Amino acid sequence: MDMSKFGQGENKDLKAADHKGQKLKVVISGVSTRTYPARDDQPEDTKVVLAFEGKEKVMVVSHPNTDVLIESYGKESTDWVGRALGLSTKTWNVGEGWVITCLDVEAPVYEDDIPF
């Protein structure tokens, strides 16, 4: 049986490995959702998916990062389109010797009080 379809291979999802330590500014061009079926002891899960201007890959957004987006841009996804977003990676120790590197989002911070 050809097992290559079960590997990481090429896909349309943005991964932490795509960043190579860079901090990127992107602009949201679309928002959708993706539902993952229940498996093992995990229930079905629906996550936010972001598309970006000028980018082919989309980002599946974790629930904590979705909270960052809601806090920054409001609960209506239509208000997110056209907004800038900072993407970086973050390393998490998830216990039992497991450390993962995941994508992290942040709203760009702008200084409004410019002295000129």
Protein backbone atom coordinates (compact mmCIF):
# COMPACT_ATOMS: atom_id res chain seq x y z
CA MET A 1 0.00 0.00 0.00
CA ASP A 2 1.30 3.48 -0.88
CA MET A 3 1.74 5.18 2.49
CA SER A 4 2.87 8.57 1.13
CA LYS A 5 -0.66 9.97 1.47
CA PHE A 6 -0.34 9.56 5.24
CA GLY A 7 2.90 11.57 5.52
CA GLN A 8 3.17 15.31 5.86
CA GLY A 9 3.84 15.87 2.14
CA GLU A 10 2.69 18.99 0.33
CA ASN A 11 -0.65 20.45 1.29
CA LYS A 12 -2.41 23.80 1.31
CA ASP A 13 -2.10 24.35 5.08
CA LEU A 14 0.48 26.73 6.52
CA LYS A 15 2.71 25.09 9.13
CA ALA A 16 5.24 26.39 11.65
CA ALA A 17 8.00 24.79 9.55
CA ASP A 18 7.06 27.13 6.66
CA HIS A 19 8.19 30.16 8.72
CA LYS A 20 11.77 29.20 9.49
CA GLY A 21 11.86 31.59 12.47
CA GLN A 22 10.48 34.59 10.60
CA LYS A 23 7.89 37.01 11.90
CA LEU A 24 5.49 37.73 9.05
CA LYS A 25 2.83 40.35 8.46
CA VAL A 26 -0.13 39.07 6.41
CA VAL A 27 -3.54 40.46 5.50
CA ILE A 28 -6.62 38.28 5.95
CA SER A 29 -8.50 37.77 2.67
CA GLY A 30 -11.03 35.15 3.74
CA VAL A 31 -12.37 33.24 6.74
CA SER A 32 -13.95 29.79 6.71
CA THR A 33 -14.17 26.75 8.99
CA ARG A 34 -13.01 23.14 8.77
CA THR A 35 -14.49 20.28 10.77
CA TYR A 36 -12.31 17.39 11.87
CA PRO A 37 -14.15 14.12 12.63
CA ALA A 38 -14.07 12.52 16.07
CA ARG A 39 -11.19 10.09 16.59
CA ASP A 40 -9.86 8.01 19.45
CA ASP A 41 -11.06 9.79 22.59
CA GLN A 42 -11.34 13.23 20.90
CA PRO A 43 -14.74 14.65 19.89
CA GLU A 44 -15.45 16.26 16.51
CA ASP A 45 -13.76 19.66 16.31
CA THR A 46 -14.39 22.69 14.10
CA LYS A 47 -11.61 25.24 13.59
CA VAL A 48 -11.28 28.60 11.88
CA VAL A 49 -9.32 28.68 8.60
CA LEU A 50 -7.74 31.93 7.36
CA ALA A 51 -6.73 32.77 3.80
CA PHE A 52 -4.22 35.57 3.19
CA GLU A 53 -3.74 38.09 0.40
CA GLY A 54 -1.08 36.93 -2.06
CA LYS A 55 -0.56 33.57 -0.32
CA GLU A 56 -1.47 30.10 -1.56
CA LYS A 57 -1.54 28.34 1.80
CA VAL A 58 -4.24 28.77 4.44
CA MET A 59 -3.86 28.66 8.21
CA VAL A 60 -5.92 26.39 10.44
CA VAL A 61 -6.26 28.49 13.59
CA SER A 62 -6.04 26.99 17.08
CA HIS A 63 -8.74 27.84 19.59
CA PRO A 64 -6.41 30.09 21.66
CA ASN A 65 -5.38 31.98 18.51
CA THR A 66 -9.06 32.33 17.58
CA ASP A 67 -9.55 34.05 20.95
CA VAL A 68 -6.73 36.49 20.04
CA LEU A 69 -8.49 37.30 16.76
CA ILE A 70 -11.84 37.83 18.51
CA GLU A 71 -10.23 40.11 21.11
CA SER A 72 -8.43 42.09 18.40
CA TYR A 73 -11.02 42.33 15.63
CA GLY A 74 -14.39 41.35 17.13
CA LYS A 75 -16.51 38.22 17.01
CA GLU A 76 -17.79 38.71 13.43
CA SER A 77 -15.46 37.05 10.92
CA THR A 78 -16.47 39.50 8.20
CA ASP A 79 -14.76 42.21 10.27
CA TRP A 80 -11.47 40.29 10.07
CA VAL A 81 -11.16 40.45 6.27
CA GLY A 82 -8.68 43.12 5.19
CA ARG A 83 -7.05 43.25 8.62
CA ALA A 84 -3.31 42.80 9.13
CA LEU A 85 -2.08 39.99 11.30
CA GLY A 86 1.34 39.05 12.66
CA LEU A 87 2.39 35.41 12.31
CA SER A 88 5.24 33.86 14.23
CA THR A 89 6.06 30.55 15.87
CA LYS A 90 5.91 29.63 19.52
CA THR A 91 7.35 26.59 21.28
CA TRP A 92 5.18 24.87 23.88
CA ASN A 93 6.10 22.17 26.36
CA VAL A 94 2.96 20.01 26.34
CA GLY A 95 4.17 17.65 29.04
CA GLU A 96 5.60 14.15 29.24
CA GLY A 97 8.69 15.24 27.30
CA TRP A 98 6.74 16.53 24.29
CA VAL A 99 7.63 19.96 22.90
CA ILE A 100 5.81 21.34 19.88
CA THR A 101 6.37 24.39 17.70
CA CYS A 102 3.14 25.94 16.51
CA LEU A 103 1.99 29.03 14.66
CA ASP A 104 1.07 32.01 16.80
CA VAL A 105 -0.98 35.05 15.83
CA GLU A 106 -0.88 38.59 17.11
CA ALA A 107 -2.61 41.77 16.12
CA PRO A 108 -0.08 44.30 14.86
CA VAL A 109 0.60 47.02 17.42
CA TYR A 110 0.65 50.55 16.09
CA GLU A 111 1.77 53.68 17.89
CA ASP A 112 -0.98 56.29 17.48
CA ASP A 113 0.82 59.08 19.30
CA ILE A 114 3.41 60.13 16.71
CA PRO A 115 5.18 63.37 17.70
CA PHE A 116 5.24 65.32 14.40
